[in-house]
Amino acid sequence: MVLAGDEVYVEAQEEVDRTLGEPKLWAKMAIHDTARIGEFSSDRTIRENAAQTWHLERVDPPGNIFPRPGDLDER
C-alpha cells in the first residue's frame, strides 16, 4: 500500500517516536492538548442537537429523581 502523503506520515511518526522518548515533553504536550480541546459533554451535545435540529423539548421520565442541569443551588 502506498500512502498519498507517505513522506509527511513518516516525518510525523518519527516526531512521535522522538517525543515518546522524552517523558517530560510527552506529558507537557498531552496536558496542552487536553487543555486546548475545550468543553465537551455528550449530554450537552445531545441536548443541543435535540433542541436545535429536531426542535424537541426535554421530557423527564415519571418519578425522575435526578436534578436537571441548573436546578441545583450554586453554593
Protein backbone atom coordinates (compact mmCIF):
# COMPACT_ATOMS: atom_id res chain seq x y z
CA MET A 1 0.00 0.00 0.00
CA VAL A 2 1.30 3.43 -0.89
CA LEU A 3 0.15 6.45 1.09
CA ALA A 4 -0.52 9.68 -0.77
CA GLY A 5 1.40 11.66 1.83
CA ASP A 6 3.78 8.96 2.99
CA GLU A 7 6.69 11.36 3.46
CA VAL A 8 4.66 13.56 5.79
CA TYR A 9 3.36 10.47 7.60
CA VAL A 10 6.89 9.13 8.14
CA GLU A 11 8.08 12.52 9.43
CA ALA A 12 5.14 12.73 11.85
CA GLN A 13 5.78 9.21 13.09
CA GLU A 14 9.45 9.99 13.63
CA GLU A 15 8.42 13.02 15.71
CA VAL A 16 6.12 10.79 17.77
CA ASP A 17 8.95 8.34 18.33
CA ARG A 18 11.29 11.14 19.47
CA THR A 19 8.66 12.62 21.77
CA LEU A 20 7.82 9.27 23.35
CA GLY A 21 11.47 9.01 24.31
CA GLU A 22 11.15 12.19 26.39
CA PRO A 23 8.50 11.57 29.08
CA LYS A 24 8.50 15.16 30.39
CA LEU A 25 7.97 16.58 26.90
CA TRP A 26 5.29 13.98 26.18
CA ALA A 27 3.47 14.88 29.42
CA LYS A 28 3.70 18.60 28.65
CA MET A 29 2.29 18.10 25.15
CA ALA A 30 -0.50 15.86 26.46
CA ILE A 31 -1.51 18.45 29.07
CA HIS A 32 -1.50 21.25 26.48
CA ASP A 33 -3.59 19.18 24.05
CA THR A 34 -6.10 18.33 26.77
CA ALA A 35 -6.37 21.98 27.79
CA ARG A 36 -6.99 23.09 24.20
CA ILE A 37 -9.87 20.74 23.41
CA GLY A 38 -12.31 22.86 25.39
CA GLU A 39 -15.59 21.74 26.85
CA PHE A 40 -17.14 18.56 25.57
CA SER A 41 -20.16 16.93 27.02
CA SER A 42 -22.11 14.24 25.23
CA ASP A 43 -25.16 15.20 27.30
CA ARG A 44 -24.85 18.82 26.20
CA THR A 45 -24.30 17.80 22.59
CA ILE A 46 -27.36 15.56 22.58
CA ARG A 47 -29.45 18.24 24.29
CA GLU A 48 -28.36 20.92 21.78
CA ASN A 49 -28.94 18.62 18.81
CA ALA A 50 -32.43 17.74 20.06
CA ALA A 51 -33.32 21.40 20.55
CA GLN A 52 -31.65 22.96 17.50
CA THR A 53 -32.08 20.25 14.88
CA TRP A 54 -35.22 18.45 15.93
CA HIS A 55 -36.86 21.30 17.91
CA LEU A 56 -37.62 18.95 20.80
CA GLU A 57 -38.04 19.85 24.45
CA ARG A 58 -36.62 17.77 27.25
CA VAL A 59 -39.04 15.30 28.82
CA ASP A 60 -38.17 13.72 32.15
CA PRO A 61 -39.42 10.21 32.92
CA PRO A 62 -42.08 9.97 35.63
CA GLY A 63 -40.54 9.84 39.09
CA ASN A 64 -37.19 11.13 37.87
CA ILE A 65 -35.05 11.65 40.98
CA PHE A 66 -32.13 13.27 39.19
CA PRO A 67 -31.94 17.08 39.07
CA ARG A 68 -31.89 18.85 35.74
CA PRO A 69 -28.84 20.97 34.89
CA GLY A 70 -29.23 24.36 36.56
CA ASP A 71 -31.69 23.09 39.18
CA LEU A 72 -29.02 22.75 41.85
CA ASP A 73 -28.21 25.71 44.07
CA GLU A 74 -24.76 27.17 43.47
CA ARG A 75 -23.18 27.31 46.91
